[in-house]
Amino acid sequence: MVNILAGITGSASGGLSIALDIFGQHFLAETAAVGIPAEVVHRIAAMASGGMDSLPHNGAVITTLAICGLTHREAYKDMFAITLLKVVVAFFGVFFYMLTGIV
């Protein structure tokens, strides 16, 4: 949900804010029932919001390209790869937590 809203808004923080305003209490209640701390829920939501943060209409992508003097054609492939790498690392972090309970 957080990832989809981030993609729609073109902003990780925007998608995270909307999702947590609407579903935050539900997320906390459901995860507390299975023993997942609120801090872990926040970290997962924050990392999930970055999954669609690499779309071309994202404000950070547009600003970074403008500052660097690059076009989407020149640099978007690299930015997309880095953003996907971040999501994969976050997935394995969550997976490791679920296996061990160590944050």
N, C-alpha and C. Protein backbone atom coordinates (compact mmCIF):
# COMPACT_ATOMS: atom_id res chain seq x y z
N MET A 1 0.83 -1.19 0.00
CA MET A 1 0.00 0.00 0.00
C MET A 1 0.88 1.26 0.00
N VAL A 2 1.87 1.28 0.86
CA VAL A 2 2.76 2.45 0.96
C VAL A 2 3.48 2.66 -0.37
N ASN A 3 3.95 1.57 -0.95
CA ASN A 3 4.69 1.63 -2.21
C ASN A 3 3.81 2.15 -3.34
N ILE A 4 2.58 1.71 -3.41
CA ILE A 4 1.66 2.14 -4.46
C ILE A 4 1.36 3.63 -4.32
N LEU A 5 1.09 4.08 -3.10
CA LEU A 5 0.81 5.50 -2.89
C LEU A 5 2.02 6.36 -3.20
N ALA A 6 3.21 5.87 -2.91
CA ALA A 6 4.43 6.61 -3.25
C ALA A 6 4.56 6.75 -4.77
N GLY A 7 4.22 5.69 -5.49
CA GLY A 7 4.26 5.75 -6.95
C GLY A 7 3.25 6.72 -7.53
N ILE A 8 2.05 6.71 -6.97
CA ILE A 8 1.00 7.61 -7.46
C ILE A 8 1.36 9.06 -7.21
N THR A 9 1.86 9.35 -6.01
CA THR A 9 2.18 10.74 -5.67
C THR A 9 3.52 11.19 -6.24
N GLY A 10 4.37 10.24 -6.62
CA GLY A 10 5.70 10.60 -7.11
C GLY A 10 6.61 11.03 -5.99
N SER A 11 6.29 10.63 -4.76
CA SER A 11 7.04 11.06 -3.60
C SER A 11 7.00 9.97 -2.53
N ALA A 12 8.16 9.56 -2.06
CA ALA A 12 8.20 8.55 -0.99
C ALA A 12 7.58 9.10 0.28
N SER A 13 7.94 10.32 0.65
CA SER A 13 7.40 10.88 1.88
C SER A 13 5.90 11.16 1.77
N GLY A 14 5.45 11.55 0.59
CA GLY A 14 4.02 11.79 0.38
C GLY A 14 3.22 10.51 0.50
N GLY A 15 3.70 9.44 -0.15
CA GLY A 15 3.02 8.15 -0.07
C GLY A 15 3.02 7.60 1.34
N LEU A 16 4.14 7.75 2.04
CA LEU A 16 4.25 7.28 3.42
C LEU A 16 3.30 8.04 4.33
N SER A 17 3.24 9.34 4.17
CA SER A 17 2.34 10.16 5.00
C SER A 17 0.88 9.77 4.80
N ILE A 18 0.47 9.61 3.56
CA ILE A 18 -0.92 9.24 3.28
C ILE A 18 -1.24 7.87 3.85
N ALA A 19 -0.36 6.90 3.59
CA ALA A 19 -0.62 5.53 4.05
C ALA A 19 -0.68 5.44 5.57
N LEU A 20 0.25 6.10 6.24
CA LEU A 20 0.27 6.01 7.70
C LEU A 20 -0.87 6.80 8.34
N ASP A 21 -1.29 7.89 7.71
CA ASP A 21 -2.46 8.61 8.22
C ASP A 21 -3.71 7.74 8.16
N ILE A 22 -3.85 7.02 7.04
CA ILE A 22 -5.06 6.22 6.85
C ILE A 22 -4.98 4.87 7.57
N PHE A 23 -3.84 4.18 7.44
CA PHE A 23 -3.75 2.80 7.91
C PHE A 23 -2.83 2.60 9.11
N GLY A 24 -2.22 3.66 9.62
CA GLY A 24 -1.22 3.53 10.68
C GLY A 24 -1.70 2.77 11.90
N GLN A 25 -2.85 3.11 12.42
CA GLN A 25 -3.37 2.43 13.62
C GLN A 25 -3.66 0.95 13.33
N HIS A 26 -4.17 0.67 12.14
CA HIS A 26 -4.44 -0.72 11.76
C HIS A 26 -3.13 -1.51 11.66
N PHE A 27 -2.11 -0.91 11.01
CA PHE A 27 -0.80 -1.57 10.90
C PHE A 27 -0.24 -1.88 12.28
N LEU A 28 -0.30 -0.92 13.18
CA LEU A 28 0.25 -1.10 14.53
C LEU A 28 -0.50 -2.19 15.30
N ALA A 29 -1.83 -2.20 15.19
CA ALA A 29 -2.63 -3.20 15.91
C ALA A 29 -2.34 -4.60 15.38
N GLU A 30 -2.29 -4.75 14.07
CA GLU A 30 -2.05 -6.07 13.48
C GLU A 30 -0.65 -6.59 13.78
N THR A 31 0.34 -5.73 13.69
CA THR A 31 1.71 -6.19 13.92
C THR A 31 1.98 -6.40 15.41
N ALA A 32 1.35 -5.62 16.28
CA ALA A 32 1.51 -5.83 17.72
C ALA A 32 0.92 -7.17 18.13
N ALA A 33 -0.13 -7.59 17.44
CA ALA A 33 -0.77 -8.87 17.76
C ALA A 33 0.16 -10.05 17.50
N VAL A 34 1.11 -9.89 16.58
CA VAL A 34 2.05 -10.97 16.30
C VAL A 34 3.44 -10.68 16.86
N GLY A 35 3.56 -9.61 17.65
CA GLY A 35 4.81 -9.33 18.36
C GLY A 35 5.85 -8.54 17.61
N ILE A 36 5.48 -7.82 16.57
CA ILE A 36 6.44 -7.00 15.83
C ILE A 36 6.41 -5.59 16.42
N PRO A 37 7.56 -5.07 16.86
CA PRO A 37 7.61 -3.74 17.47
C PRO A 37 7.25 -2.63 16.48
N ALA A 38 6.73 -1.53 17.01
CA ALA A 38 6.34 -0.38 16.19
C ALA A 38 7.53 0.19 15.42
N GLU A 39 8.72 0.13 15.99
CA GLU A 39 9.92 0.65 15.31
C GLU A 39 10.19 -0.13 14.03
N VAL A 40 9.97 -1.43 14.09
CA VAL A 40 10.20 -2.27 12.91
C VAL A 40 9.15 -1.97 11.85
N VAL A 41 7.91 -1.75 12.26
CA VAL A 41 6.85 -1.40 11.32
C VAL A 41 7.20 -0.09 10.61
N HIS A 42 7.70 0.88 11.37
CA HIS A 42 8.09 2.16 10.78
C HIS A 42 9.21 1.97 9.77
N ARG A 43 10.21 1.19 10.12
CA ARG A 43 11.33 0.97 9.20
C ARG A 43 10.87 0.29 7.92
N ILE A 44 10.00 -0.69 8.05
CA ILE A 44 9.49 -1.39 6.87
C ILE A 44 8.70 -0.44 5.99
N ALA A 45 7.82 0.35 6.60
CA ALA A 45 7.01 1.31 5.83
C ALA A 45 7.90 2.35 5.15
N ALA A 46 8.90 2.84 5.85
CA ALA A 46 9.80 3.84 5.26
C ALA A 46 10.56 3.26 4.07
N MET A 47 11.04 2.04 4.19
CA MET A 47 11.75 1.42 3.08
C MET A 47 10.81 1.07 1.94
N ALA A 48 9.59 0.65 2.27
CA ALA A 48 8.62 0.32 1.22
C ALA A 48 8.25 1.54 0.41
N SER A 49 8.22 2.70 1.03
CA SER A 49 7.84 3.91 0.31
C SER A 49 8.87 4.27 -0.76
N GLY A 50 10.07 3.79 -0.61
CA GLY A 50 11.11 4.08 -1.59
C GLY A 50 11.11 3.18 -2.80
N GLY A 51 10.26 2.17 -2.82
CA GLY A 51 10.24 1.23 -3.94
C GLY A 51 9.83 1.85 -5.25
N MET A 52 8.85 2.72 -5.22
CA MET A 52 8.39 3.40 -6.43
C MET A 52 8.96 4.81 -6.50
N ASP A 53 9.92 5.09 -5.67
CA ASP A 53 10.52 6.41 -5.60
C ASP A 53 11.43 6.68 -6.79
N SER A 54 11.63 5.69 -7.64
CA SER A 54 12.52 5.87 -8.78
C SER A 54 11.78 6.19 -10.06
N LEU A 55 10.48 6.37 -9.98
CA LEU A 55 9.72 6.69 -11.19
C LEU A 55 10.17 8.05 -11.75
N PRO A 56 10.10 8.21 -13.06
CA PRO A 56 10.63 9.44 -13.68
C PRO A 56 9.96 10.73 -13.22
N HIS A 57 8.73 10.67 -12.71
CA HIS A 57 8.05 11.90 -12.30
C HIS A 57 8.32 12.27 -10.85
N ASN A 58 9.18 11.52 -10.18
CA ASN A 58 9.53 11.82 -8.80
C ASN A 58 10.31 13.13 -8.72
N GLY A 59 9.93 13.95 -7.76
CA GLY A 59 10.58 15.25 -7.60
C GLY A 59 12.07 15.14 -7.33
N ALA A 60 12.47 14.15 -6.53
CA ALA A 60 13.90 13.98 -6.22
C ALA A 60 14.69 13.58 -7.46
N VAL A 61 14.12 12.74 -8.30
CA VAL A 61 14.80 12.34 -9.54
C VAL A 61 14.97 13.55 -10.45
N ILE A 62 13.92 14.32 -10.61
CA ILE A 62 13.97 15.51 -11.48
C ILE A 62 14.97 16.52 -10.95
N THR A 63 14.96 16.75 -9.64
CA THR A 63 15.89 17.71 -9.04
C THR A 63 17.33 17.25 -9.17
N THR A 64 17.58 15.97 -8.89
CA THR A 64 18.95 15.44 -8.99
C THR A 64 19.47 15.56 -10.41
N LEU A 65 18.65 15.21 -11.37
CA LEU A 65 19.09 15.31 -12.77
C LEU A 65 19.35 16.76 -13.16
N ALA A 66 18.51 17.67 -12.68
CA ALA A 66 18.71 19.09 -13.01
C ALA A 66 20.01 19.62 -12.40
N ILE A 67 20.27 19.26 -11.15
CA ILE A 67 21.50 19.72 -10.48
C ILE A 67 22.74 19.16 -11.17
N CYS A 68 22.66 17.92 -11.58
CA CYS A 68 23.81 17.27 -12.23
C CYS A 68 23.93 17.64 -13.71
N GLY A 69 22.91 18.30 -14.24
CA GLY A 69 22.94 18.68 -15.64
C GLY A 69 22.77 17.51 -16.58
N LEU A 70 22.05 16.49 -16.14
CA LEU A 70 21.85 15.29 -16.94
C LEU A 70 20.40 15.18 -17.39
N THR A 71 20.20 14.44 -18.45
CA THR A 71 18.84 14.16 -18.90
C THR A 71 18.40 12.81 -18.35
N HIS A 72 17.10 12.55 -18.45
CA HIS A 72 16.61 11.24 -18.03
C HIS A 72 17.30 10.13 -18.84
N ARG A 73 17.49 10.35 -20.11
CA ARG A 73 18.11 9.35 -20.97
C ARG A 73 19.54 9.02 -20.50
N GLU A 74 20.26 10.02 -20.04
CA GLU A 74 21.66 9.82 -19.64
C GLU A 74 21.80 9.10 -18.30
N ALA A 75 20.93 9.39 -17.36
CA ALA A 75 21.19 8.92 -15.99
C ALA A 75 20.09 8.08 -15.37
N TYR A 76 18.94 7.99 -16.00
CA TYR A 76 17.81 7.33 -15.33
C TYR A 76 18.07 5.85 -15.10
N LYS A 77 18.74 5.18 -16.01
CA LYS A 77 19.02 3.75 -15.84
C LYS A 77 19.81 3.50 -14.55
N ASP A 78 20.80 4.32 -14.29
CA ASP A 78 21.61 4.17 -13.08
C ASP A 78 20.79 4.50 -11.83
N MET A 79 19.99 5.55 -11.88
CA MET A 79 19.17 5.91 -10.72
C MET A 79 18.15 4.82 -10.42
N PHE A 80 17.56 4.26 -11.45
CA PHE A 80 16.58 3.19 -11.29
C PHE A 80 17.23 1.97 -10.64
N ALA A 81 18.44 1.61 -11.10
CA ALA A 81 19.14 0.45 -10.54
C ALA A 81 19.47 0.65 -9.06
N ILE A 82 19.93 1.82 -8.69
CA ILE A 82 20.26 2.10 -7.29
C ILE A 82 19.01 2.03 -6.42
N THR A 83 17.91 2.56 -6.90
CA THR A 83 16.67 2.53 -6.13
C THR A 83 16.18 1.11 -5.95
N LEU A 84 16.27 0.30 -6.98
CA LEU A 84 15.87 -1.10 -6.85
C LEU A 84 16.78 -1.86 -5.89
N LEU A 85 18.07 -1.55 -5.93
CA LEU A 85 19.00 -2.19 -5.02
C LEU A 85 18.63 -1.89 -3.57
N LYS A 86 18.23 -0.67 -3.30
CA LYS A 86 17.82 -0.28 -1.95
C LYS A 86 16.63 -1.12 -1.47
N VAL A 87 15.67 -1.35 -2.35
CA VAL A 87 14.49 -2.13 -1.98
C VAL A 87 14.85 -3.59 -1.73
N VAL A 88 15.73 -4.14 -2.54
CA VAL A 88 16.17 -5.53 -2.35
C VAL A 88 16.90 -5.68 -1.02
N VAL A 89 17.76 -4.74 -0.68
CA VAL A 89 18.48 -4.78 0.59
C VAL A 89 17.49 -4.69 1.76
N ALA A 90 16.49 -3.83 1.63
CA ALA A 90 15.47 -3.70 2.68
C ALA A 90 14.68 -5.00 2.83
N PHE A 91 14.35 -5.64 1.73
CA PHE A 91 13.64 -6.91 1.78
C PHE A 91 14.44 -7.94 2.57
N PHE A 92 15.73 -8.05 2.26
CA PHE A 92 16.55 -9.02 2.98
C PHE A 92 16.72 -8.65 4.45
N GLY A 93 16.72 -7.35 4.75
CA GLY A 93 16.76 -6.92 6.15
C GLY A 93 15.52 -7.36 6.90
N VAL A 94 14.37 -7.19 6.29
CA VAL A 94 13.11 -7.64 6.91
C VAL A 94 13.10 -9.15 7.04
N PHE A 95 13.55 -9.84 6.02
CA PHE A 95 13.62 -11.30 6.03
C PHE A 95 14.53 -11.77 7.17
N PHE A 96 15.68 -11.13 7.34
CA PHE A 96 16.62 -11.48 8.40
C PHE A 96 15.97 -11.25 9.76
N TYR A 97 15.24 -10.14 9.91
CA TYR A 97 14.54 -9.86 11.16
C TYR A 97 13.51 -10.93 11.46
N MET A 98 12.76 -11.31 10.45
CA MET A 98 11.72 -12.33 10.66
C MET A 98 12.33 -13.67 11.06
N LEU A 99 13.51 -13.98 10.55
CA LEU A 99 14.16 -15.24 10.91
C LEU A 99 14.78 -15.21 12.31
N THR A 100 15.39 -14.07 12.65
CA THR A 100 16.18 -14.02 13.88
C THR A 100 15.59 -13.17 15.00
N GLY A 101 14.80 -12.17 14.64
CA GLY A 101 14.28 -11.24 15.64
C GLY A 101 15.27 -10.14 15.98
N ILE A 102 16.41 -10.13 15.31
CA ILE A 102 17.43 -9.12 15.56
C ILE A 102 17.23 -7.98 14.59
N VAL A 103 17.16 -6.75 15.12
CA VAL A 103 16.94 -5.58 14.26
C VAL A 103 18.25 -5.08 13.74
